[in-house]
PDB file of N, CA and C in Angstrom:
ATOM      1  N   MET A   1       1.246  -1.114  -0.272  1.00  0.00           N
ATOM      2  CA  MET A   1       0.375   0.412  -0.109  1.00  0.00           C
ATOM      3  C   MET A   1       0.650   1.126   0.126  1.00  0.00           C
ATOM      4  N   PHE A   2       1.952   1.183   0.933  1.00  0.00           N
ATOM      5  CA  PHE A   2       2.802   2.466   0.129  1.00  0.00           C
ATOM      6  C   PHE A   2       3.053   2.843  -1.246  1.00  0.00           C
ATOM      7  N   VAL A   3       2.837   2.308  -1.986  1.00  0.00           N
ATOM      8  CA  VAL A   3       3.421   2.925  -3.084  1.00  0.00           C
ATOM      9  C   VAL A   3       2.310   3.567  -3.727  1.00  0.00           C
ATOM     10  N   VAL A   4       1.039   3.015  -3.316  1.00  0.00           N
ATOM     11  CA  VAL A   4      -0.274   4.443  -3.967  1.00  0.00           C
ATOM     12  C   VAL A   4       0.112   4.793  -2.084  1.00  0.00           C
ATOM     13  N   ASN A   5       0.303   5.038  -1.597  1.00  0.00           N
ATOM     14  CA  ASN A   5       0.309   6.032  -0.852  1.00  0.00           C
ATOM     15  C   ASN A   5       1.918   7.235  -1.090  1.00  0.00           C
ATOM     16  N   ASN A   6       2.651   6.647  -1.815  1.00  0.00           N
ATOM     17  CA  ASN A   6       3.676   7.472  -2.221  1.00  0.00           C
ATOM     18  C   ASN A   6       2.781   8.028  -3.866  1.00  0.00           C
ATOM     19  N   PHE A   7       1.534   7.499  -4.177  1.00  0.00           N
ATOM     20  CA  PHE A   7       1.847   8.263  -5.143  1.00  0.00           C
ATOM     21  C   PHE A   7       0.329   8.882  -5.599  1.00  0.00           C
ATOM     22  N   LEU A   8      -0.015   9.182  -4.761  1.00  0.00           N
ATOM     23  CA  LEU A   8      -1.010  10.187  -4.456  1.00  0.00           C
ATOM     24  C   LEU A   8      -0.071  11.298  -3.548  1.00  0.00           C
ATOM     25  N   MET A   9       0.348  10.947  -3.061  1.00  0.00           N
ATOM     26  CA  MET A   9       1.462  12.419  -2.131  1.00  0.00           C
ATOM     27  C   MET A   9       1.721  13.138  -3.077  1.00  0.00           C
ATOM     28  N   ALA A  10       2.686  12.219  -4.243  1.00  0.00           N
ATOM     29  CA  ALA A  10       3.745  12.418  -5.428  1.00  0.00           C
ATOM     30  C   ALA A  10       2.346  13.062  -6.678  1.00  0.00           C
ATOM     31  N   VAL A  11       1.466  12.739  -6.415  1.00  0.00           N
ATOM     32  CA  VAL A  11       0.467  13.533  -7.602  1.00  0.00           C
ATOM     33  C   VAL A  11      -0.175  15.194  -7.034  1.00  0.00           C
ATOM     34  N   ALA A  12      -0.693  14.833  -5.429  1.00  0.00           N
ATOM     35  CA  ALA A  12      -0.718  16.537  -5.236  1.00  0.00           C
ATOM     36  C   ALA A  12      -0.174  17.100  -4.453  1.00  0.00           C
ATOM     37  N   GLN A  13       1.837  16.926  -4.877  1.00  0.00           N
ATOM     38  CA  GLN A  13       2.943  17.611  -4.916  1.00  0.00           C
ATOM     39  C   GLN A  13       3.121  17.956  -6.052  1.00  0.00           C
ATOM     40  N   LEU A  14       2.785  17.855  -7.063  1.00  0.00           N
ATOM     41  CA  LEU A  14       2.823  17.718  -7.972  1.00  0.00           C
ATOM     42  C   LEU A  14       1.826  18.784  -8.606  1.00  0.00           C
ATOM     43  N   LEU A  15       0.606  17.773  -8.158  1.00  0.00           N
ATOM     44  CA  LEU A  15      -0.395  19.671  -8.769  1.00  0.00           C
ATOM     45  C   LEU A  15      -0.262  20.749  -8.068  1.00  0.00           C
ATOM     46  N   ASP A  16       0.240  20.647  -6.707  1.00  0.00           N
ATOM     47  CA  ASP A  16       0.401  21.835  -5.550  1.00  0.00           C
ATOM     48  C   ASP A  16       1.665  23.046  -6.466  1.00  0.00           C
ATOM     49  N   PHE A  17       2.702  22.536  -7.564  1.00  0.00           N
ATOM     50  CA  PHE A  17       3.906  23.023  -7.916  1.00  0.00           C
ATOM     51  C   PHE A  17       2.415  23.344  -9.041  1.00  0.00           C
ATOM     52  N   VAL A  18       2.482  22.598 -10.141  1.00  0.00           N
ATOM     53  CA  VAL A  18       1.584  23.013 -11.392  1.00  0.00           C
ATOM     54  C   VAL A  18       0.668  24.138 -11.245  1.00  0.00           C
ATOM     55  N   LEU A  19      -0.253  24.500  -9.645  1.00  0.00           N
ATOM     56  CA  LEU A  19      -1.056  25.692 -10.010  1.00  0.00           C
ATOM     57  C   LEU A  19      -0.330  27.070  -9.010  1.00  0.00           C
ATOM     58  N   THR A  20       0.465  26.309  -8.448  1.00  0.00           N
ATOM     59  CA  THR A  20       1.551  28.065  -8.077  1.00  0.00           C
ATOM     60  C   THR A  20       2.169  28.588  -9.254  1.00  0.00           C
ATOM     61  N   ALA A  21       2.432  27.237 -10.048  1.00  0.00           N
ATOM     62  CA  ALA A  21       3.122  27.759 -11.312  1.00  0.00           C
ATOM     63  C   ALA A  21       2.171  28.909 -12.816  1.00  0.00           C
ATOM     64  N   TYR A  22       1.275  28.748 -12.233  1.00  0.00           N
ATOM     65  CA  TYR A  22       0.360  29.015 -12.876  1.00  0.00           C
ATOM     66  C   TYR A  22      -0.422  30.273 -12.557  1.00  0.00           C
ATOM     67  N   MET A  23      -0.444  30.213 -10.858  1.00  0.00           N
ATOM     68  CA  MET A  23      -0.925  31.693 -10.846  1.00  0.00           C
ATOM     69  C   MET A  23       0.441  32.242  -9.964  1.00  0.00           C
ATOM     70  N   TRP A  24       1.567  32.015 -10.832  1.00  0.00           N
ATOM     71  CA  TRP A  24       2.582  33.640 -10.787  1.00  0.00           C
ATOM     72  C   TRP A  24       2.338  33.906 -12.077  1.00  0.00           C
ATOM     73  N   ILE A  25       2.584  32.978 -13.297  1.00  0.00           N
ATOM     74  CA  ILE A  25       2.383  33.451 -14.115  1.00  0.00           C
ATOM     75  C   ILE A  25       0.704  34.192 -14.549  1.00  0.00           C
ATOM     76  N   ILE A  26      -0.410  34.175 -13.890  1.00  0.00           N
ATOM     77  CA  ILE A  26      -1.418  34.936 -13.902  1.00  0.00           C
ATOM     78  C   ILE A  26      -1.130  35.842 -13.348  1.00  0.00           C
ATOM     79  N   LEU A  27      -0.452  36.220 -12.212  1.00  0.00           N
ATOM     80  CA  LEU A  27       0.373  37.693 -11.678  1.00  0.00           C
ATOM     81  C   LEU A  27       1.061  38.345 -12.540  1.00  0.00           C
ATOM     82  N   GLY A  28       1.923  37.563 -13.832  1.00  0.00           N
ATOM     83  CA  GLY A  28       3.037  38.257 -14.384  1.00  0.00           C
ATOM     84  C   GLY A  28       2.337  39.082 -15.240  1.00  0.00           C
ATOM     85  N   ARG A  29       1.238  38.063 -16.333  1.00  0.00           N
ATOM     86  CA  ARG A  29       0.297  38.967 -16.931  1.00  0.00           C
ATOM     87  C   ARG A  29      -1.108  40.339 -16.792  1.00  0.00           C
ATOM     88  N   ALA A  30      -1.065  39.821 -15.421  1.00  0.00           N
ATOM     89  CA  ALA A  30      -1.781  41.366 -14.932  1.00  0.00           C
ATOM     90  C   ALA A  30      -1.306  42.372 -14.810  1.00  0.00           C
ATOM     91  N   VAL A  31       0.379  41.999 -13.901  1.00  0.00           N
ATOM     92  CA  VAL A  31       1.356  43.168 -13.932  1.00  0.00           C
ATOM     93  C   VAL A  31       2.000  43.696 -15.827  1.00  0.00           C
ATOM     94  N   ILE A  32       1.664  43.499 -15.750  1.00  0.00           N
ATOM     95  CA  ILE A  32       1.722  43.421 -17.631  1.00  0.00           C
ATOM     96  C   ILE A  32       1.620  44.513 -18.230  1.00  0.00           C
ATOM     97  N   SER A  33      -0.206  43.948 -17.563  1.00  0.00           N
ATOM     98  CA  SER A  33      -1.051  44.410 -18.747  1.00  0.00           C
ATOM     99  C   SER A  33      -1.606  46.078 -18.067  1.00  0.00           C
ATOM    100  N   TRP A  34      -0.494  46.041 -16.914  1.00  0.00           N
ATOM    101  CA  TRP A  34      -0.438  47.193 -16.332  1.00  0.00           C
ATOM    102  C   TRP A  34       0.032  47.808 -17.533  1.00  0.00           C
ATOM    103  N   VAL A  35       1.246  48.122 -17.566  1.00  0.00           N
ATOM    104  CA  VAL A  35       2.055  48.814 -18.558  1.00  0.00           C
ATOM    105  C   VAL A  35       1.841  48.409 -20.045  1.00  0.00           C
ATOM    106  N   SER A  36       2.694  49.689 -20.624  1.00  0.00           N
ATOM    107  CA  SER A  36       2.219  49.303 -21.968  1.00  0.00           C
ATOM    108  C   SER A  36       3.377  48.331 -22.264  1.00  0.00           C
ATOM    109  N   ALA A  37       3.472  47.382 -22.087  1.00  0.00           N
ATOM    110  CA  ALA A  37       4.619  46.332 -22.977  1.00  0.00           C
ATOM    111  C   ALA A  37       4.643  46.080 -24.399  1.00  0.00           C
ATOM    112  N   ASP A  38       5.577  45.630 -24.525  1.00  0.00           N
ATOM    113  CA  ASP A  38       6.228  45.254 -26.367  1.00  0.00           C
ATOM    114  C   ASP A  38       5.399  44.216 -26.870  1.00  0.00           C
ATOM    115  N   PRO A  39       3.978  43.646 -27.169  1.00  0.00           N
ATOM    116  CA  PRO A  39       3.206  42.825 -27.371  1.00  0.00           C
ATOM    117  C   PRO A  39       3.729  41.196 -28.691  1.00  0.00           C
ATOM    118  N   TYR A  40       4.706  42.191 -28.455  1.00  0.00           N
ATOM    119  CA  TYR A  40       5.994  40.994 -29.782  1.00  0.00           C
ATOM    120  C   TYR A  40       7.238  40.693 -29.074  1.00  0.00           C
ATOM    121  N   ASN A  41       7.484  40.881 -27.710  1.00  0.00           N
ATOM    122  CA  ASN A  41       8.164  40.288 -26.633  1.00  0.00           C
ATOM    123  C   ASN A  41       7.620  38.752 -26.460  1.00  0.00           C
ATOM    124  N   PRO A  42       8.450  38.100 -26.350  1.00  0.00           N
ATOM    125  CA  PRO A  42       8.228  36.473 -26.485  1.00  0.00           C
ATOM    126  C   PRO A  42       7.596  36.333 -25.090  1.00  0.00           C
ATOM    127  N   ILE A  43       8.284  36.820 -23.986  1.00  0.00           N
ATOM    128  CA  ILE A  43       7.660  37.011 -22.565  1.00  0.00           C
ATOM    129  C   ILE A  43       6.182  36.785 -23.169  1.00  0.00           C
ATOM    130  N   VAL A  44       5.950  38.406 -23.191  1.00  0.00           N
ATOM    131  CA  VAL A  44       4.926  38.976 -23.854  1.00  0.00           C
ATOM    132  C   VAL A  44       3.570  37.805 -23.659  1.00  0.00           C
ATOM    133  N   ARG A  45       4.198  37.343 -25.466  1.00  0.00           N
ATOM    134  CA  ARG A  45       2.789  36.193 -25.581  1.00  0.00           C
ATOM    135  C   ARG A  45       3.226  34.961 -24.946  1.00  0.00           C
ATOM    136  N   PHE A  46       3.903  34.927 -23.958  1.00  0.00           N
ATOM    137  CA  PHE A  46       3.994  33.498 -23.191  1.00  0.00           C
ATOM    138  C   PHE A  46       3.072  33.494 -22.309  1.00  0.00           C
ATOM    139  N   LEU A  47       2.826  34.792 -21.488  1.00  0.00           N
ATOM    140  CA  LEU A  47       2.147  35.048 -20.558  1.00  0.00           C
ATOM    141  C   LEU A  47       0.159  34.944 -21.287  1.00  0.00           C
ATOM    142  N   TYR A  48      -0.036  35.700 -22.005  1.00  0.00           N
ATOM    143  CA  TYR A  48      -1.016  36.035 -23.084  1.00  0.00           C
ATOM    144  C   TYR A  48      -1.119  34.519 -23.096  1.00  0.00           C
ATOM    145  N   GLU A  49      -0.687  34.330 -24.139  1.00  0.00           N
ATOM    146  CA  GLU A  49      -0.972  33.400 -24.927  1.00  0.00           C
ATOM    147  C   GLU A  49      -1.219  31.738 -23.154  1.00  0.00           C
ATOM    148  N   ALA A  50      -1.108  31.663 -22.253  1.00  0.00           N
ATOM    149  CA  ALA A  50      -1.241  30.924 -21.372  1.00  0.00           C
ATOM    150  C   ALA A  50      -2.682  31.202 -20.497  1.00  0.00           C
ATOM    151  N   THR A  51      -2.656  32.808 -20.453  1.00  0.00           N
ATOM    152  CA  THR A  51      -3.607  32.958 -19.575  1.00  0.00           C
ATOM    153  C   THR A  51      -4.927  32.925 -19.948  1.00  0.00           C
ATOM    154  N   GLU A  52      -5.110  33.983 -21.221  1.00  0.00           N
ATOM    155  CA  GLU A  52      -5.925  34.147 -22.209  1.00  0.00           C
ATOM    156  C   GLU A  52      -7.222  32.985 -22.320  1.00  0.00           C
ATOM    157  N   PRO A  53      -6.769  31.594 -22.778  1.00  0.00           N
ATOM    158  CA  PRO A  53      -8.088  30.701 -22.817  1.00  0.00           C
ATOM    159  C   PRO A  53      -9.618  30.682 -21.512  1.00  0.00           C
ATOM    160  N   VAL A  54      -8.025  30.577 -20.184  1.00  0.00           N
ATOM    161  CA  VAL A  54      -8.998  30.289 -19.005  1.00  0.00           C
ATOM    162  C   VAL A  54      -9.442  31.778 -18.855  1.00  0.00           C
ATOM    163  N   LEU A  55      -9.035  32.461 -18.962  1.00  0.00           N
ATOM    164  CA  LEU A  55      -9.389  34.039 -18.757  1.00  0.00           C
ATOM    165  C   LEU A  55     -10.853  34.827 -19.043  1.00  0.00           C
ATOM    166  N   SER A  56     -11.054  34.024 -20.958  1.00  0.00           N
ATOM    167  CA  SER A  56     -11.829  34.154 -21.376  1.00  0.00           C
ATOM    168  C   SER A  56     -13.070  34.271 -20.777  1.00  0.00           C
ATOM    169  N   ARG A  57     -12.305  32.691 -20.887  1.00  0.00           N
ATOM    170  CA  ARG A  57     -13.222  31.849 -20.937  1.00  0.00           C
ATOM    171  C   ARG A  57     -14.494  32.033 -19.241  1.00  0.00           C
ATOM    172  N   ILE A  58     -13.635  32.419 -18.381  1.00  0.00           N
ATOM    173  CA  ILE A  58     -14.387  33.205 -17.004  1.00  0.00           C
ATOM    174  C   ILE A  58     -14.413  34.353 -17.555  1.00  0.00           C
ATOM    175  N   ARG A  59     -14.278  35.832 -18.395  1.00  0.00           N
ATOM    176  CA  ARG A  59     -14.734  36.659 -18.375  1.00  0.00           C
ATOM    177  C   ARG A  59     -16.410  36.548 -19.465  1.00  0.00           C
ATOM    178  N   ARG A  60     -16.653  35.631 -19.779  1.00  0.00           N
ATOM    179  CA  ARG A  60     -17.467  35.197 -20.490  1.00  0.00           C
ATOM    180  C   ARG A  60     -18.979  34.999 -20.232  1.00  0.00           C
ATOM    181  N   TYR A  61     -18.363  34.027 -19.089  1.00  0.00           N
ATOM    182  CA  TYR A  61     -19.436  33.850 -17.715  1.00  0.00           C
ATOM    183  C   TYR A  61     -19.843  34.497 -16.375  1.00  0.00           C
ATOM    184  N   ILE A  62     -18.706  34.777 -16.370  1.00  0.00           N
ATOM    185  CA  ILE A  62     -18.864  35.677 -15.264  1.00  0.00           C
ATOM    186  C   ILE A  62     -18.210  37.660 -15.800  1.00  0.00           C
ATOM    187  N   PRO A  63     -18.920  38.587 -16.423  1.00  0.00           N
ATOM    188  CA  PRO A  63     -18.185  39.726 -17.191  1.00  0.00           C
ATOM    189  C   PRO A  63     -18.477  40.609 -15.900  1.00  0.00           C
ATOM    190  N   LEU A  64     -17.591  40.713 -15.225  1.00  0.00           N
ATOM    191  CA  LEU A  64     -16.726  42.014 -13.881  1.00  0.00           C
ATOM    192  C   LEU A  64     -16.026  42.605 -14.619  1.00  0.00           C
ATOM    193  N   SER A  65     -15.942  43.765 -14.576  1.00  0.00           N
ATOM    194  CA  SER A  65     -15.228  44.723 -15.809  1.00  0.00           C
ATOM    195  C   SER A  65     -15.326  46.244 -15.197  1.00  0.00           C
ATOM    196  N   PHE A  66     -15.099  46.866 -13.585  1.00  0.00           N
ATOM    197  CA  PHE A  66     -15.825  48.008 -13.306  1.00  0.00           C
ATOM    198  C   PHE A  66     -14.787  48.907 -12.991  1.00  0.00           C
ATOM    199  N   GLY A  67     -15.280  49.768 -13.949  1.00  0.00           N
ATOM    200  CA  GLY A  67     -14.367  51.022 -14.176  1.00  0.00           C
ATOM    201  C   GLY A  67     -12.684  50.784 -15.755  1.00  0.00           C
ATOM    202  N   GLY A  68     -13.118  49.640 -15.918  1.00  0.00           N
ATOM    203  CA  GLY A  68     -11.908  49.435 -16.747  1.00  0.00           C
ATOM    204  C   GLY A  68     -10.982  48.110 -16.247  1.00  0.00           C
ATOM    205  N   LEU A  69     -11.408  48.171 -14.853  1.00  0.00           N
ATOM    206  CA  LEU A  69     -10.402  47.015 -13.764  1.00  0.00           C
ATOM    207  C   LEU A  69     -10.931  45.374 -14.735  1.00  0.00           C
ATOM    208  N   ASP A  70     -10.017  44.710 -14.534  1.00  0.00           N
ATOM    209  CA  ASP A  70     -10.469  43.309 -15.491  1.00  0.00           C
ATOM    210  C   ASP A  70     -10.669  42.167 -13.987  1.00  0.00           C
ATOM    211  N   PHE A  71     -11.778  41.655 -13.659  1.00  0.00           N
ATOM    212  CA  PHE A  71     -11.427  41.414 -12.235  1.00  0.00           C
ATOM    213  C   PHE A  71     -11.045  39.506 -12.963  1.00  0.00           C
ATOM    214  N   SER A  72     -11.344  39.212 -13.481  1.00  0.00           N
ATOM    215  CA  SER A  72     -11.136  37.782 -14.675  1.00  0.00           C
ATOM    216  C   SER A  72      -9.498  36.807 -13.582  1.00  0.00           C
ATOM    217  N   PRO A  73      -8.622  38.264 -13.601  1.00  0.00           N
ATOM    218  CA  PRO A  73      -7.061  37.382 -13.264  1.00  0.00           C
ATOM    219  C   PRO A  73      -7.471  37.197 -11.533  1.00  0.00           C
ATOM    220  N   MET A  74      -8.189  37.892 -10.589  1.00  0.00           N
ATOM    221  CA  MET A  74      -8.058  37.725  -9.113  1.00  0.00           C
ATOM    222  C   MET A  74      -9.359  36.772  -9.107  1.00  0.00           C
ATOM    223  N   ILE A  75      -9.738  36.509  -9.781  1.00  0.00           N
ATOM    224  CA  ILE A  75     -11.618  35.036  -9.619  1.00  0.00           C
ATOM    225  C   ILE A  75     -10.309  33.275 -10.274  1.00  0.00           C
ATOM    226  N   LEU A  76      -9.602  33.503 -10.838  1.00  0.00           N
ATOM    227  CA  LEU A  76      -8.872  32.733 -11.430  1.00  0.00           C
ATOM    228  C   LEU A  76      -8.045  32.440  -9.816  1.00  0.00           C
ATOM    229  N   ILE A  77      -7.534  33.222  -9.376  1.00  0.00           N
ATOM    230  CA  ILE A  77      -6.442  32.843  -8.599  1.00  0.00           C
ATOM    231  C   ILE A  77      -6.944  32.433  -7.538  1.00  0.00           C
ATOM    232  N   LEU A  78      -8.593  32.615  -7.264  1.00  0.00           N
ATOM    233  CA  LEU A  78      -9.319  32.746  -6.001  1.00  0.00           C
ATOM    234  C   LEU A  78      -9.925  31.034  -6.458  1.00  0.00           C
ATOM    235  N   ALA A  79     -10.671  30.459  -7.450  1.00  0.00           N
ATOM    236  CA  ALA A  79     -10.542  29.330  -7.788  1.00  0.00           C
ATOM    237  C   ALA A  79      -9.375  28.497  -7.983  1.00  0.00           C
ATOM    238  N   ILE A  80      -7.997  28.995  -8.268  1.00  0.00           N
ATOM    239  CA  ILE A  80      -6.430  28.628  -8.294  1.00  0.00           C
ATOM    240  C   ILE A  80      -6.065  27.782  -6.080  1.00  0.00           C
ATOM    241  N   MET A  81      -6.938  29.193  -5.774  1.00  0.00           N
ATOM    242  CA  MET A  81      -6.215  28.834  -3.904  1.00  0.00           C
ATOM    243  C   MET A  81      -7.286  28.239  -3.486  1.00  0.00           C
ATOM    244  N   PHE A  82      -8.323  27.724  -3.815  1.00  0.00           N
ATOM    245  CA  PHE A  82      -9.515  26.770  -3.448  1.00  0.00           C
ATOM    246  C   PHE A  82      -9.229  25.557  -3.632  1.00  0.00           C
ATOM    247  N   VAL A  83      -8.682  25.013  -4.984  1.00  0.00           N
ATOM    248  CA  VAL A  83      -8.475  23.999  -5.130  1.00  0.00           C
ATOM    249  C   VAL A  83      -7.391  24.030  -4.666  1.00  0.00           C
ATOM    250  N   GLN A  84      -6.422  24.376  -4.099  1.00  0.00           N
ATOM    251  CA  GLN A  84      -5.005  24.119  -3.622  1.00  0.00           C
ATOM    252  C   GLN A  84      -5.700  23.901  -2.099  1.00  0.00           C
ATOM    253  N   SER A  85      -6.158  24.692  -1.929  1.00  0.00           N
ATOM    254  CA  SER A  85      -6.682  24.004  -0.607  1.00  0.00           C
ATOM    255  C   SER A  85      -7.590  23.177  -0.131  1.00  0.00           C
ATOM    256  N   PHE A  86      -8.678  22.999  -1.138  1.00  0.00           N
ATOM    257  CA  PHE A  86      -9.840  21.160  -0.875  1.00  0.00           C
ATOM    258  C   PHE A  86      -8.908  19.978  -1.633  1.00  0.00           C
ATOM    259  N   LEU A  87      -8.551  19.869  -3.322  1.00  0.00           N
ATOM    260  CA  LEU A  87      -8.011  18.932  -3.606  1.00  0.00           C
ATOM    261  C   LEU A  87      -6.811  18.802  -3.482  1.00  0.00           C
ATOM    262  N   VAL A  88      -5.815  19.523  -3.130  1.00  0.00           N
ATOM    263  CA  VAL A  88      -4.835  18.570  -3.267  1.00  0.00           C
ATOM    264  C   VAL A  88      -4.560  18.548  -1.309  1.00  0.00           C
ATOM    265  N   GLN A  89      -5.586  18.986  -0.652  1.00  0.00           N
ATOM    266  CA  GLN A  89      -4.949  18.879   1.059  1.00  0.00           C
ATOM    267  C   GLN A  89      -6.211  17.426   0.859  1.00  0.00           C
ATOM    268  N   THR A  90      -7.057  17.449   0.688  1.00  0.00           N
ATOM    269  CA  THR A  90      -8.090  16.370   0.459  1.00  0.00           C
ATOM    270  C   THR A  90      -6.966  14.933  -0.710  1.00  0.00           C
ATOM    271  N   LEU A  91      -5.982  14.773  -1.404  1.00  0.00           N
ATOM    272  CA  LEU A  91      -5.009  13.763  -1.974  1.00  0.00           C
ATOM    273  C   LEU A  91      -3.631  13.617  -1.064  1.00  0.00           C
ATOM    274  N   LYS A  92      -3.122  14.620  -0.417  1.00  0.00           N
ATOM    275  CA  LYS A  92      -2.867  14.507   0.494  1.00  0.00           C
ATOM    276  C   LYS A  92      -3.294  13.209   1.734  1.00  0.00           C
ATOM    277  N   GLN A  93      -4.329  13.678   2.310  1.00  0.00           N
ATOM    278  CA  GLN A  93      -4.945  13.227   3.238  1.00  0.00           C
ATOM    279  C   GLN A  93      -5.314  11.701   3.085  1.00  0.00           C
ATOM    280  N   ILE A  94      -5.691  11.771   1.635  1.00  0.00           N
ATOM    281  CA  ILE A  94      -6.334  10.222   1.738  1.00  0.00           C
ATOM    282  C   ILE A  94      -4.800   9.198   1.337  1.00  0.00           C
ATOM    283  N   ALA A  95      -3.777  10.272   1.282  1.00  0.00           N
ATOM    284  CA  ALA A  95      -2.221   9.575   1.023  1.00  0.00           C
ATOM    285  C   ALA A  95      -1.786   9.236   2.563  1.00  0.00           C
ATOM    286  N   VAL A  96      -2.079  10.367   3.226  1.00  0.00           N
ATOM    287  CA  VAL A  96      -1.985   9.622   4.759  1.00  0.00           C
ATOM    288  C   VAL A  96      -1.993   8.822   5.364  1.00  0.00           C
ATOM    289  N   GLY A  97      -3.776   8.636   5.051  1.00  0.00           N
ATOM    290  CA  GLY A  97      -4.888   7.205   5.256  1.00  0.00           C
ATOM    291  C   GLY A  97      -4.947   5.977   4.953  1.00  0.00           C
ATOM    292  N   ILE A  98      -4.453   5.990   3.448  1.00  0.00           N
ATOM    293  CA  ILE A  98      -3.612   5.206   3.122  1.00  0.00           C
ATOM    294  C   ILE A  98      -2.618   3.907   3.744  1.00  0.00           C
ATOM    295  N   GLY A  99      -1.206   4.780   3.973  1.00  0.00           N
ATOM    296  CA  GLY A  99      -0.054   4.396   4.629  1.00  0.00           C
ATOM    297  C   GLY A  99      -0.376   4.262   5.821  1.00  0.00           C
TER     298      GLY A  99
END
């Protein structure tokens, strides 16, 4: 059973890392949107291409924009924090319970 325990713990840690990295990408995109960054810069293009599919979906279902401020990155960050608090912790507790 220790194999299943280690596997679930590894999945939980990997998911936590990926979600944290994506949260930093979203924060980078938000900072880039405040300044007039070069749209042809590869880093700027990566930030937009990595986040726009998810953010546009949020904007479509929850059109929150007040005074020119887009709240979709904040909603996405809150959703990521929820998944980290709920799903990652649940996987870790299941792994500990199995072991």
